[in-house]
Full PDB file with SEQRES, HELIX, SHEET, SSBOND, CRYST1, ORIGX, SCALE, CONECT and MASTER records, all heavy atoms in Angstrom:
SEQRES   1 A   41  ALA GLU LYS ALA THR SER ILE ALA SER LEU LYS ARG LEU          
SEQRES   2 A   41  LEU LYS SER ASP TYR ARG GLY ILE ILE VAL SER MET ILE          
SEQRES   3 A   41  HIS LYS PHE HIS ASP MET PRO ALA ASN ILE ASN LEU ARG          
SEQRES   4 A   41  LYS ASN                                                      
HELIX    1 AA1 ILE A    7  LYS A   15  1                                   9    
HELIX    2 AA2 ILE A   26  PHE A   29  5                                   4    
SHEET    1 AA1 2 GLU A   2  LYS A   3  0                                        
SHEET    2 AA1 2 ILE A  22  VAL A  23  1                                        
CRYST1    1.000    1.000    1.000  90.00  90.00  90.00 P 1           1          
ORIGX1      1.000000  0.000000  0.000000        0.00000                         
ORIGX2      0.000000  1.000000  0.000000        0.00000                         
ORIGX3      0.000000  0.000000  1.000000        0.00000                         
SCALE1      1.000000  0.000000  0.000000        0.00000                         
SCALE2      0.000000  1.000000  0.000000        0.00000                         
SCALE3      0.000000  0.000000  1.000000        0.00000                         
ATOM      1  N   ALA A   1     -34.131  43.002  25.830  1.00  0.00           N  
ATOM      2  CA  ALA A   1     -33.761  43.629  27.102  1.00  0.00           C  
ATOM      3  C   ALA A   1     -34.492  44.958  27.263  1.00  0.00           C  
ATOM      4  O   ALA A   1     -34.591  45.741  26.315  1.00  0.00           O  
ATOM      5  CB  ALA A   1     -32.254  43.854  27.159  1.00  0.00           C  
ATOM      6  N   GLU A   2     -35.020  45.185  28.448  1.00  0.00           N  
ATOM      7  CA  GLU A   2     -35.715  46.427  28.778  1.00  0.00           C  
ATOM      8  C   GLU A   2     -34.892  47.218  29.786  1.00  0.00           C  
ATOM      9  O   GLU A   2     -34.342  46.662  30.720  1.00  0.00           O  
ATOM     10  CB  GLU A   2     -37.085  46.113  29.387  1.00  0.00           C  
ATOM     11  CG  GLU A   2     -38.111  45.611  28.385  1.00  0.00           C  
ATOM     12  CD  GLU A   2     -38.744  46.733  27.583  1.00  0.00           C  
ATOM     13  OE1 GLU A   2     -38.639  47.899  28.027  1.00  0.00           O  
ATOM     14  OE2 GLU A   2     -39.316  46.441  26.526  1.00  0.00           O  
ATOM     15  N   LYS A   3     -34.859  48.520  29.606  1.00  0.00           N  
ATOM     16  CA  LYS A   3     -34.191  49.391  30.556  1.00  0.00           C  
ATOM     17  C   LYS A   3     -35.241  49.999  31.484  1.00  0.00           C  
ATOM     18  O   LYS A   3     -36.195  50.627  31.024  1.00  0.00           O  
ATOM     19  CB  LYS A   3     -33.439  50.485  29.813  1.00  0.00           C  
ATOM     20  CG  LYS A   3     -32.787  51.514  30.723  1.00  0.00           C  
ATOM     21  CD  LYS A   3     -32.139  52.608  29.880  1.00  0.00           C  
ATOM     22  CE  LYS A   3     -31.624  53.736  30.740  1.00  0.00           C  
ATOM     23  NZ  LYS A   3     -31.049  54.841  29.931  1.00  0.00           N  
ATOM     24  N   ALA A   4     -35.076  49.767  32.785  1.00  0.00           N  
ATOM     25  CA  ALA A   4     -35.976  50.383  33.763  1.00  0.00           C  
ATOM     26  C   ALA A   4     -35.548  51.818  33.961  1.00  0.00           C  
ATOM     27  O   ALA A   4     -34.531  52.095  34.606  1.00  0.00           O  
ATOM     28  CB  ALA A   4     -35.931  49.605  35.082  1.00  0.00           C  
ATOM     29  N   THR A   5     -36.311  52.735  33.393  1.00  0.00           N  
ATOM     30  CA  THR A   5     -35.909  54.140  33.383  1.00  0.00           C  
ATOM     31  C   THR A   5     -36.250  54.875  34.670  1.00  0.00           C  
ATOM     32  O   THR A   5     -35.763  55.975  34.906  1.00  0.00           O  
ATOM     33  CB  THR A   5     -36.575  54.865  32.204  1.00  0.00           C  
ATOM     34  OG1 THR A   5     -38.002  54.683  32.300  1.00  0.00           O  
ATOM     35  CG2 THR A   5     -36.087  54.299  30.873  1.00  0.00           C  
ATOM     36  N   SER A   6     -37.099  54.259  35.511  1.00  0.00           N  
ATOM     37  CA  SER A   6     -37.506  54.920  36.747  1.00  0.00           C  
ATOM     38  C   SER A   6     -37.977  53.868  37.744  1.00  0.00           C  
ATOM     39  O   SER A   6     -38.134  52.684  37.395  1.00  0.00           O  
ATOM     40  CB  SER A   6     -38.644  55.901  36.475  1.00  0.00           C  
ATOM     41  OG  SER A   6     -39.805  55.191  36.031  1.00  0.00           O  
ATOM     42  N   ILE A   7     -38.195  54.280  38.961  1.00  0.00           N  
ATOM     43  CA  ILE A   7     -38.740  53.367  39.979  1.00  0.00           C  
ATOM     44  C   ILE A   7     -40.097  52.843  39.517  1.00  0.00           C  
ATOM     45  O   ILE A   7     -40.399  51.662  39.642  1.00  0.00           O  
ATOM     46  CB  ILE A   7     -38.862  54.100  41.342  1.00  0.00           C  
ATOM     47  CG1 ILE A   7     -37.461  54.445  41.864  1.00  0.00           C  
ATOM     48  CG2 ILE A   7     -39.615  53.244  42.350  1.00  0.00           C  
ATOM     49  CD1 ILE A   7     -37.472  55.283  43.141  1.00  0.00           C  
ATOM     50  N   ALA A   8     -40.896  53.736  38.935  1.00  0.00           N  
ATOM     51  CA  ALA A   8     -42.233  53.341  38.480  1.00  0.00           C  
ATOM     52  C   ALA A   8     -42.155  52.316  37.352  1.00  0.00           C  
ATOM     53  O   ALA A   8     -42.939  51.363  37.320  1.00  0.00           O  
ATOM     54  CB  ALA A   8     -43.013  54.569  38.030  1.00  0.00           C  
ATOM     55  N   SER A   9     -41.223  52.515  36.421  1.00  0.00           N  
ATOM     56  CA  SER A   9     -41.128  51.570  35.300  1.00  0.00           C  
ATOM     57  C   SER A   9     -40.649  50.202  35.767  1.00  0.00           C  
ATOM     58  O   SER A   9     -41.111  49.167  35.267  1.00  0.00           O  
ATOM     59  CB  SER A   9     -40.197  52.123  34.213  1.00  0.00           C  
ATOM     60  OG  SER A   9     -38.851  52.118  34.624  1.00  0.00           O  
ATOM     61  N   LEU A  10     -39.713  50.159  36.721  1.00  0.00           N  
ATOM     62  CA  LEU A  10     -39.270  48.877  37.263  1.00  0.00           C  
ATOM     63  C   LEU A  10     -40.431  48.178  37.975  1.00  0.00           C  
ATOM     64  O   LEU A  10     -40.640  46.967  37.812  1.00  0.00           O  
ATOM     65  CB  LEU A  10     -38.104  49.089  38.225  1.00  0.00           C  
ATOM     66  CG  LEU A  10     -37.575  47.827  38.918  1.00  0.00           C  
ATOM     67  CD1 LEU A  10     -37.101  46.799  37.896  1.00  0.00           C  
ATOM     68  CD2 LEU A  10     -36.453  48.167  39.896  1.00  0.00           C  
ATOM     69  N   LYS A  11     -41.191  48.943  38.757  1.00  0.00           N  
ATOM     70  CA  LYS A  11     -42.342  48.379  39.470  1.00  0.00           C  
ATOM     71  C   LYS A  11     -43.350  47.809  38.467  1.00  0.00           C  
ATOM     72  O   LYS A  11     -43.890  46.701  38.648  1.00  0.00           O  
ATOM     73  CB  LYS A  11     -42.985  49.456  40.336  1.00  0.00           C  
ATOM     74  CG  LYS A  11     -44.110  48.946  41.238  1.00  0.00           C  
ATOM     75  CD  LYS A  11     -44.778  50.099  41.993  1.00  0.00           C  
ATOM     76  CE  LYS A  11     -43.807  50.795  42.928  1.00  0.00           C  
ATOM     77  NZ  LYS A  11     -44.498  51.826  43.754  1.00  0.00           N  
ATOM     78  N   ARG A  12     -43.578  48.547  37.360  1.00  0.00           N  
ATOM     79  CA  ARG A  12     -44.528  48.087  36.347  1.00  0.00           C  
ATOM     80  C   ARG A  12     -44.063  46.792  35.684  1.00  0.00           C  
ATOM     81  O   ARG A  12     -44.852  45.870  35.485  1.00  0.00           O  
ATOM     82  CB  ARG A  12     -44.720  49.181  35.289  1.00  0.00           C  
ATOM     83  CG  ARG A  12     -45.586  48.771  34.109  1.00  0.00           C  
ATOM     84  CD  ARG A  12     -45.715  49.901  33.095  1.00  0.00           C  
ATOM     85  NE  ARG A  12     -44.431  50.449  32.686  1.00  0.00           N  
ATOM     86  CZ  ARG A  12     -43.632  49.865  31.796  1.00  0.00           C  
ATOM     87  NH1 ARG A  12     -43.954  48.706  31.240  1.00  0.00           N  
ATOM     88  NH2 ARG A  12     -42.479  50.426  31.472  1.00  0.00           N  
ATOM     89  N   LEU A  13     -42.768  46.725  35.357  1.00  0.00           N  
ATOM     90  CA  LEU A  13     -42.239  45.524  34.701  1.00  0.00           C  
ATOM     91  C   LEU A  13     -42.374  44.297  35.594  1.00  0.00           C  
ATOM     92  O   LEU A  13     -42.746  43.212  35.135  1.00  0.00           O  
ATOM     93  CB  LEU A  13     -40.765  45.744  34.311  1.00  0.00           C  
ATOM     94  CG  LEU A  13     -40.516  46.676  33.123  1.00  0.00           C  
ATOM     95  CD1 LEU A  13     -39.042  47.091  33.066  1.00  0.00           C  
ATOM     96  CD2 LEU A  13     -40.926  46.007  31.817  1.00  0.00           C  
ATOM     97  N   LEU A  14     -42.048  44.465  36.886  1.00  0.00           N  
ATOM     98  CA  LEU A  14     -42.132  43.324  37.797  1.00  0.00           C  
ATOM     99  C   LEU A  14     -43.584  42.932  38.077  1.00  0.00           C  
ATOM    100  O   LEU A  14     -43.918  41.743  38.129  1.00  0.00           O  
ATOM    101  CB  LEU A  14     -41.415  43.664  39.105  1.00  0.00           C  
ATOM    102  CG  LEU A  14     -39.891  43.797  39.018  1.00  0.00           C  
ATOM    103  CD1 LEU A  14     -39.311  44.274  40.341  1.00  0.00           C  
ATOM    104  CD2 LEU A  14     -39.247  42.475  38.604  1.00  0.00           C  
ATOM    105  N   LYS A  15     -44.435  43.927  38.228  1.00  0.00           N  
ATOM    106  CA  LYS A  15     -45.831  43.643  38.548  1.00  0.00           C  
ATOM    107  C   LYS A  15     -46.566  43.023  37.363  1.00  0.00           C  
ATOM    108  O   LYS A  15     -47.456  42.184  37.542  1.00  0.00           O  
ATOM    109  CB  LYS A  15     -46.535  44.941  38.984  1.00  0.00           C  
ATOM    110  CG  LYS A  15     -47.833  44.723  39.733  1.00  0.00           C  
ATOM    111  CD  LYS A  15     -48.326  46.023  40.342  1.00  0.00           C  
ATOM    112  CE  LYS A  15     -49.573  45.769  41.192  1.00  0.00           C  
ATOM    113  NZ  LYS A  15     -50.041  47.033  41.843  1.00  0.00           N  
ATOM    114  N   SER A  16     -46.191  43.421  36.151  1.00  0.00           N  
ATOM    115  CA  SER A  16     -46.850  42.894  34.957  1.00  0.00           C  
ATOM    116  C   SER A  16     -46.309  41.537  34.542  1.00  0.00           C  
ATOM    117  O   SER A  16     -46.710  40.989  33.508  1.00  0.00           O  
ATOM    118  CB  SER A  16     -46.706  43.878  33.797  1.00  0.00           C  
ATOM    119  OG  SER A  16     -45.330  43.964  33.410  1.00  0.00           O  
ATOM    120  N   ASP A  17     -45.377  41.000  35.325  1.00  0.00           N  
ATOM    121  CA  ASP A  17     -44.813  39.668  35.061  1.00  0.00           C  
ATOM    122  C   ASP A  17     -44.037  39.616  33.741  1.00  0.00           C  
ATOM    123  O   ASP A  17     -44.101  38.641  32.997  1.00  0.00           O  
ATOM    124  CB  ASP A  17     -45.910  38.607  35.079  1.00  0.00           C  
ATOM    125  CG  ASP A  17     -45.382  37.254  35.542  1.00  0.00           C  
ATOM    126  OD1 ASP A  17     -44.404  37.228  36.299  1.00  0.00           O  
ATOM    127  OD2 ASP A  17     -45.934  36.210  35.119  1.00  0.00           O  
ATOM    128  N   TYR A  18     -43.302  40.692  33.452  1.00  0.00           N  
ATOM    129  CA  TYR A  18     -42.491  40.758  32.239  1.00  0.00           C  
ATOM    130  C   TYR A  18     -41.491  39.599  32.191  1.00  0.00           C  
ATOM    131  O   TYR A  18     -40.836  39.288  33.177  1.00  0.00           O  
ATOM    132  CB  TYR A  18     -41.745  42.089  32.188  1.00  0.00           C  
ATOM    133  CG  TYR A  18     -40.709  42.184  31.094  1.00  0.00           C  
ATOM    134  CD1 TYR A  18     -41.099  42.461  29.781  1.00  0.00           C  
ATOM    135  CD2 TYR A  18     -39.358  41.994  31.365  1.00  0.00           C  
ATOM    136  CE1 TYR A  18     -40.154  42.549  28.771  1.00  0.00           C  
ATOM    137  CE2 TYR A  18     -38.406  42.083  30.361  1.00  0.00           C  
ATOM    138  CZ  TYR A  18     -38.816  42.359  29.066  1.00  0.00           C  
ATOM    139  OH  TYR A  18     -37.873  42.434  28.065  1.00  0.00           O  
ATOM    140  N   ARG A  19     -41.401  38.955  31.024  1.00  0.00           N  
ATOM    141  CA  ARG A  19     -40.428  37.875  30.828  1.00  0.00           C  
ATOM    142  C   ARG A  19     -39.347  38.357  29.862  1.00  0.00           C  
ATOM    143  O   ARG A  19     -39.637  38.718  28.719  1.00  0.00           O  
ATOM    144  CB  ARG A  19     -41.107  36.622  30.257  1.00  0.00           C  
ATOM    145  CG  ARG A  19     -42.350  36.145  31.028  1.00  0.00           C  
ATOM    146  CD  ARG A  19     -42.007  35.736  32.445  1.00  0.00           C  
ATOM    147  NE  ARG A  19     -43.198  35.327  33.177  1.00  0.00           N  
ATOM    148  CZ  ARG A  19     -43.517  34.049  33.442  1.00  0.00           C  
ATOM    149  NH1 ARG A  19     -42.751  33.059  33.011  1.00  0.00           N  
ATOM    150  NH2 ARG A  19     -44.605  33.760  34.134  1.00  0.00           N  
ATOM    151  N   GLY A  20     -38.133  38.379  30.314  1.00  0.00           N  
ATOM    152  CA  GLY A  20     -37.020  38.856  29.517  1.00  0.00           C  
ATOM    153  C   GLY A  20     -35.948  39.411  30.433  1.00  0.00           C  
ATOM    154  O   GLY A  20     -35.899  39.103  31.617  1.00  0.00           O  
ATOM    155  N   ILE A  21     -35.067  40.228  29.862  1.00  0.00           N  
ATOM    156  CA  ILE A  21     -33.961  40.810  30.611  1.00  0.00           C  
ATOM    157  C   ILE A  21     -34.282  42.252  30.956  1.00  0.00           C  
ATOM    158  O   ILE A  21     -34.698  43.024  30.088  1.00  0.00           O  
ATOM    159  CB  ILE A  21     -32.643  40.730  29.810  1.00  0.00           C  
ATOM    160  CG1 ILE A  21     -32.276  39.259  29.547  1.00  0.00           C  
ATOM    161  CG2 ILE A  21     -31.513  41.437  30.541  1.00  0.00           C  
ATOM    162  CD1 ILE A  21     -31.092  39.076  28.615  1.00  0.00           C  
ATOM    163  N   ILE A  22     -34.134  42.618  32.219  1.00  0.00           N  
ATOM    164  CA  ILE A  22     -34.347  43.996  32.683  1.00  0.00           C  
ATOM    165  C   ILE A  22     -33.020  44.544  33.197  1.00  0.00           C  
ATOM    166  O   ILE A  22     -32.371  43.916  34.044  1.00  0.00           O  
ATOM    167  CB  ILE A  22     -35.386  44.048  33.819  1.00  0.00           C  
ATOM    168  CG1 ILE A  22     -36.736  43.474  33.370  1.00  0.00           C  
ATOM    169  CG2 ILE A  22     -35.560  45.481  34.317  1.00  0.00           C  
ATOM    170  CD1 ILE A  22     -37.735  43.312  34.512  1.00  0.00           C  
ATOM    171  N   VAL A  23     -32.624  45.683  32.680  1.00  0.00           N  
ATOM    172  CA  VAL A  23     -31.424  46.373  33.162  1.00  0.00           C  
ATOM    173  C   VAL A  23     -31.878  47.528  34.034  1.00  0.00           C  
ATOM    174  O   VAL A  23     -32.677  48.373  33.603  1.00  0.00           O  
ATOM    175  CB  VAL A  23     -30.557  46.880  31.999  1.00  0.00           C  
ATOM    176  CG1 VAL A  23     -29.363  47.662  32.531  1.00  0.00           C  
ATOM    177  CG2 VAL A  23     -30.084  45.714  31.131  1.00  0.00           C  
ATOM    178  N   SER A  24     -31.392  47.567  35.251  1.00  0.00           N  
ATOM    179  CA  SER A  24     -31.836  48.601  36.189  1.00  0.00           C  
ATOM    180  C   SER A  24     -30.711  48.967  37.124  1.00  0.00           C  
ATOM    181  O   SER A  24     -29.715  48.241  37.260  1.00  0.00           O  
ATOM    182  CB  SER A  24     -33.044  48.095  36.994  1.00  0.00           C  
ATOM    183  OG  SER A  24     -33.438  49.062  37.959  1.00  0.00           O  
ATOM    184  N   MET A  25     -30.898  50.083  37.813  1.00  0.00           N  
ATOM    185  CA  MET A  25     -29.992  50.455  38.881  1.00  0.00           C  
ATOM    186  C   MET A  25     -30.581  49.985  40.192  1.00  0.00           C  
ATOM    187  O   MET A  25     -31.812  49.980  40.381  1.00  0.00           O  
ATOM    188  CB  MET A  25     -29.758  51.959  38.897  1.00  0.00           C  
ATOM    189  CG  MET A  25     -28.941  52.449  37.692  1.00  0.00           C  
ATOM    190  SD  MET A  25     -28.677  54.227  37.728  1.00  0.00           S  
ATOM    191  CE  MET A  25     -27.674  54.388  39.200  1.00  0.00           C  
ATOM    192  N   ILE A  26     -29.730  49.625  41.122  1.00  0.00           N  
ATOM    193  CA  ILE A  26     -30.170  49.052  42.393  1.00  0.00           C  
ATOM    194  C   ILE A  26     -31.063  50.035  43.166  1.00  0.00           C  
ATOM    195  O   ILE A  26     -32.011  49.623  43.836  1.00  0.00           O  
ATOM    196  CB  ILE A  26     -28.947  48.625  43.243  1.00  0.00           C  
ATOM    197  CG1 ILE A  26     -29.379  47.934  44.525  1.00  0.00           C  
ATOM    198  CG2 ILE A  26     -28.048  49.802  43.532  1.00  0.00           C  
ATOM    199  CD1 ILE A  26     -29.930  46.559  44.332  1.00  0.00           C  
ATOM    200  N   HIS A  27     -30.800  51.342  43.034  1.00  0.00           N  
ATOM    201  CA  HIS A  27     -31.556  52.299  43.853  1.00  0.00           C  
ATOM    202  C   HIS A  27     -33.040  52.365  43.447  1.00  0.00           C  
ATOM    203  O   HIS A  27     -33.873  52.892  44.193  1.00  0.00           O  
ATOM    204  CB  HIS A  27     -30.917  53.694  43.775  1.00  0.00           C  
ATOM    205  CG  HIS A  27     -31.281  54.477  42.552  1.00  0.00           C  
ATOM    206  ND1 HIS A  27     -30.474  54.517  41.443  1.00  0.00           N  
ATOM    207  CD2 HIS A  27     -32.369  55.237  42.263  1.00  0.00           C  
ATOM    208  CE1 HIS A  27     -31.041  55.273  40.527  1.00  0.00           C  
ATOM    209  NE2 HIS A  27     -32.200  55.728  40.989  1.00  0.00           N  
ATOM    210  N   LYS A  28     -33.389  51.826  42.273  1.00  0.00           N  
ATOM    211  CA  LYS A  28     -34.795  51.851  41.848  1.00  0.00           C  
ATOM    212  C   LYS A  28     -35.658  50.872  42.643  1.00  0.00           C  
ATOM    213  O   LYS A  28     -36.878  50.825  42.455  1.00  0.00           O  
ATOM    214  CB  LYS A  28     -34.890  51.574  40.348  1.00  0.00           C  
ATOM    215  CG  LYS A  28     -34.297  52.691  39.479  1.00  0.00           C  
ATOM    216  CD  LYS A  28     -34.587  52.483  38.009  1.00  0.00           C  
ATOM    217  CE  LYS A  28     -34.133  53.686  37.190  1.00  0.00           C  
ATOM    218  NZ  LYS A  28     -32.717  53.734  36.947  1.00  0.00           N  
ATOM    219  N   PHE A  29     -35.029  50.093  43.522  1.00  0.00           N  
ATOM    220  CA  PHE A  29     -35.804  49.227  44.424  1.00  0.00           C  
ATOM    221  C   PHE A  29     -36.216  49.959  45.700  1.00  0.00           C  
ATOM    222  O   PHE A  29     -36.879  49.386  46.561  1.00  0.00           O  
ATOM    223  CB  PHE A  29     -35.010  47.969  44.788  1.00  0.00           C  
ATOM    224  CG  PHE A  29     -35.221  46.840  43.811  1.00  0.00           C  
ATOM    225  CD1 PHE A  29     -34.388  46.695  42.719  1.00  0.00           C  
ATOM    226  CD2 PHE A  29     -36.265  45.944  43.979  1.00  0.00           C  
ATOM    227  CE1 PHE A  29     -34.590  45.664  41.809  1.00  0.00           C  
ATOM    228  CE2 PHE A  29     -36.478  44.917  43.084  1.00  0.00           C  
ATOM    229  CZ  PHE A  29     -35.635  44.768  41.984  1.00  0.00           C  
ATOM    230  N   HIS A  30     -35.820  51.225  45.818  1.00  0.00           N  
ATOM    231  CA  HIS A  30     -36.180  51.983  47.019  1.00  0.00           C  
ATOM    232  C   HIS A  30     -37.709  52.057  47.162  1.00  0.00           C  
ATOM    233  O   HIS A  30     -38.426  52.423  46.235  1.00  0.00           O  
ATOM    234  CB  HIS A  30     -35.598  53.403  46.953  1.00  0.00           C  
ATOM    235  CG  HIS A  30     -35.867  54.217  48.170  1.00  0.00           C  
ATOM    236  ND1 HIS A  30     -35.240  53.960  49.380  1.00  0.00           N  
ATOM    237  CD2 HIS A  30     -36.714  55.265  48.390  1.00  0.00           C  
ATOM    238  CE1 HIS A  30     -35.682  54.815  50.280  1.00  0.00           C  
ATOM    239  NE2 HIS A  30     -36.578  55.623  49.711  1.00  0.00           N  
ATOM    240  N   ASP A  31     -38.190  51.664  48.338  1.00  0.00           N  
ATOM    241  CA  ASP A  31     -39.636  51.664  48.654  1.00  0.00           C  
ATOM    242  C   ASP A  31     -40.435  50.723  47.762  1.00  0.00           C  
ATOM    243  O   ASP A  31     -41.652  50.883  47.634  1.00  0.00           O  
ATOM    244  CB  ASP A  31     -40.221  53.080  48.553  1.00  0.00           C  
ATOM    245  CG  ASP A  31     -39.917  53.902  49.804  1.00  0.00           C  
ATOM    246  OD1 ASP A  31     -39.582  53.303  50.834  1.00  0.00           O  
ATOM    247  OD2 ASP A  31     -40.015  55.147  49.733  1.00  0.00           O  
ATOM    248  N   MET A  32     -39.781  49.746  47.138  1.00  0.00           N  
ATOM    249  CA  MET A  32     -40.499  48.755  46.330  1.00  0.00           C  
ATOM    250  C   MET A  32     -41.378  47.922  47.255  1.00  0.00           C  
ATOM    251  O   MET A  32     -40.907  47.446  48.287  1.00  0.00           O  
ATOM    252  CB  MET A  32     -39.513  47.858  45.569  1.00  0.00           C  
ATOM    253  CG  MET A  32     -40.163  46.882  44.600  1.00  0.00           C  
ATOM    254  SD  MET A  32     -40.828  47.673  43.111  1.00  0.00           S  
ATOM    255  CE  MET A  32     -39.344  48.222  42.274  1.00  0.00           C  
ATOM    256  N   PRO A  33     -42.656  47.707  46.902  1.00  0.00           N  
ATOM    257  CA  PRO A  33     -43.537  46.911  47.769  1.00  0.00           C  
ATOM    258  C   PRO A  33     -43.026  45.478  47.924  1.00  0.00           C  
ATOM    259  O   PRO A  33     -42.429  44.917  47.005  1.00  0.00           O  
ATOM    260  CB  PRO A  33     -44.877  46.927  47.032  1.00  0.00           C  
ATOM    261  CG  PRO A  33     -44.792  48.080  46.093  1.00  0.00           C  
ATOM    262  CD  PRO A  33     -43.351  48.232  45.731  1.00  0.00           C  
ATOM    263  N   ALA A  34     -43.240  44.918  49.090  1.00  0.00           N  
ATOM    264  CA  ALA A  34     -42.875  43.522  49.318  1.00  0.00           C  
ATOM    265  C   ALA A  34     -43.751  42.610  48.473  1.00  0.00           C  
ATOM    266  O   ALA A  34     -44.894  42.933  48.158  1.00  0.00           O  
ATOM    267  CB  ALA A  34     -43.030  43.177  50.795  1.00  0.00           C  
ATOM    268  N   ASN A  35     -43.152  41.469  48.067  1.00  0.00           N  
ATOM    269  CA  ASN A  35     -43.877  40.416  47.345  1.00  0.00           C  
ATOM    270  C   ASN A  35     -44.519  40.913  46.053  1.00  0.00           C  
ATOM    271  O   ASN A  35     -45.597  40.459  45.663  1.00  0.00           O  
ATOM    272  CB  ASN A  35     -44.959  39.793  48.234  1.00  0.00           C  
ATOM    273  CG  ASN A  35     -44.383  39.182  49.505  1.00  0.00           C  
ATOM    274  OD1 ASN A  35     -43.269  38.639  49.496  1.00  0.00           O  
ATOM    275  ND2 ASN A  35     -45.102  39.292  50.608  1.00  0.00           N  
ATOM    276  N   ILE A  36     -43.853  41.820  45.358  1.00  0.00           N  
ATOM    277  CA  ILE A  36     -44.425  42.338  44.113  1.00  0.00           C  
ATOM    278  C   ILE A  36     -44.460  41.259  43.035  1.00  0.00           C  
ATOM    279  O   ILE A  36     -45.304  41.290  42.134  1.00  0.00           O  
ATOM    280  CB  ILE A  36     -43.650  43.581  43.621  1.00  0.00           C  
ATOM    281  CG1 ILE A  36     -44.444  44.292  42.535  1.00  0.00           C  
ATOM    282  CG2 ILE A  36     -42.247  43.229  43.144  1.00  0.00           C  
ATOM    283  CD1 ILE A  36     -43.918  45.663  42.173  1.00  0.00           C  
ATOM    284  N   ASN A  37     -43.559  40.286  43.120  1.00  0.00           N  
ATOM    285  CA  ASN A  37     -43.586  39.141  42.201  1.00  0.00           C  
ATOM    286  C   ASN A  37     -43.023  37.942  42.937  1.00  0.00           C  
ATOM    287  O   ASN A  37     -41.885  37.979  43.425  1.00  0.00           O  
ATOM    288  CB  ASN A  37     -42.773  39.430  40.927  1.00  0.00           C  
ATOM    289  CG  ASN A  37     -43.072  38.432  39.822  1.00  0.00           C  
ATOM    290  OD1 ASN A  37     -43.138  37.233  40.061  1.00  0.00           O  
ATOM    291  ND2 ASN A  37     -43.265  38.939  38.607  1.00  0.00           N  
ATOM    292  N   LEU A  38     -43.815  36.870  43.018  1.00  0.00           N  
ATOM    293  CA  LEU A  38     -43.443  35.716  43.825  1.00  0.00           C  
ATOM    294  C   LEU A  38     -42.913  34.545  42.990  1.00  0.00           C  
ATOM    295  O   LEU A  38     -42.683  33.466  43.522  1.00  0.00           O  
ATOM    296  CB  LEU A  38     -44.657  35.252  44.652  1.00  0.00           C  
ATOM    297  CG  LEU A  38     -45.195  36.268  45.667  1.00  0.00           C  
ATOM    298  CD1 LEU A  38     -46.443  35.731  46.352  1.00  0.00           C  
ATOM    299  CD2 LEU A  38     -44.124  36.600  46.698  1.00  0.00           C  
ATOM    300  N   ARG A  39     -42.727  34.772  41.681  1.00  0.00           N  
ATOM    301  CA  ARG A  39     -42.215  33.682  40.845  1.00  0.00           C  
ATOM    302  C   ARG A  39     -40.811  33.250  41.286  1.00  0.00           C  
ATOM    303  O   ARG A  39     -40.024  34.075  41.747  1.00  0.00           O  
ATOM    304  CB  ARG A  39     -42.172  34.104  39.391  1.00  0.00           C  
ATOM    305  CG  ARG A  39     -43.411  33.752  38.601  1.00  0.00           C  
ATOM    306  CD  ARG A  39     -43.181  33.859  37.105  1.00  0.00           C  
ATOM    307  NE  ARG A  39     -42.862  35.211  36.685  1.00  0.00           N  
ATOM    308  CZ  ARG A  39     -41.694  35.547  36.164  1.00  0.00           C  
ATOM    309  NH1 ARG A  39     -40.730  34.658  36.023  1.00  0.00           N  
ATOM    310  NH2 ARG A  39     -41.484  36.792  35.792  1.00  0.00           N  
ATOM    311  N   LYS A  40     -40.511  31.983  41.061  1.00  0.00           N  
ATOM    312  CA  LYS A  40     -39.180  31.469  41.397  1.00  0.00           C  
ATOM    313  C   LYS A  40     -38.189  31.682  40.257  1.00  0.00           C  
ATOM    314  O   LYS A  40     -36.988  31.778  40.507  1.00  0.00           O  
ATOM    315  CB  LYS A  40     -39.264  29.976  41.733  1.00  0.00           C  
ATOM    316  CG  LYS A  40     -39.984  29.674  43.041  1.00  0.00           C  
ATOM    317  CD  LYS A  40     -39.918  28.189  43.358  1.00  0.00           C  
ATOM    318  CE  LYS A  40     -40.571  27.904  44.716  1.00  0.00           C  
ATOM    319  NZ  LYS A  40     -40.530  26.467  45.064  1.00  0.00           N  
ATOM    320  N   ASN A  41     -38.683  31.705  39.029  1.00  0.00           N  
ATOM    321  CA  ASN A  41     -37.743  31.820  37.901  1.00  0.00           C  
ATOM    322  C   ASN A  41     -37.432  33.278  37.569  1.00  0.00           C  
ATOM    323  O   ASN A  41     -37.500  33.724  36.425  1.00  0.00           O  
ATOM    324  CB  ASN A  41     -38.244  31.072  36.675  1.00  0.00           C  
ATOM    325  CG  ASN A  41     -39.569  31.590  36.150  1.00  0.00           C  
ATOM    326  OD1 ASN A  41     -40.337  32.182  36.895  1.00  0.00           O  
ATOM    327  ND2 ASN A  41     -39.820  31.369  34.874  1.00  0.00           N  
TER     328      ASN A  41                                                      
MASTER        0    0    0    2    2    0    0    6  327    1    0    4          
END                                                                             
């Protein structure tokens, strides 16, 4: 499990296609780019 410590770290985890569990706060999606990861799983 990875902890998203900031908006930037959450963006990096999603963009890099990280596979695993991410723990984050909902507010870290503020201004997140659309379609940053299009996977279904």
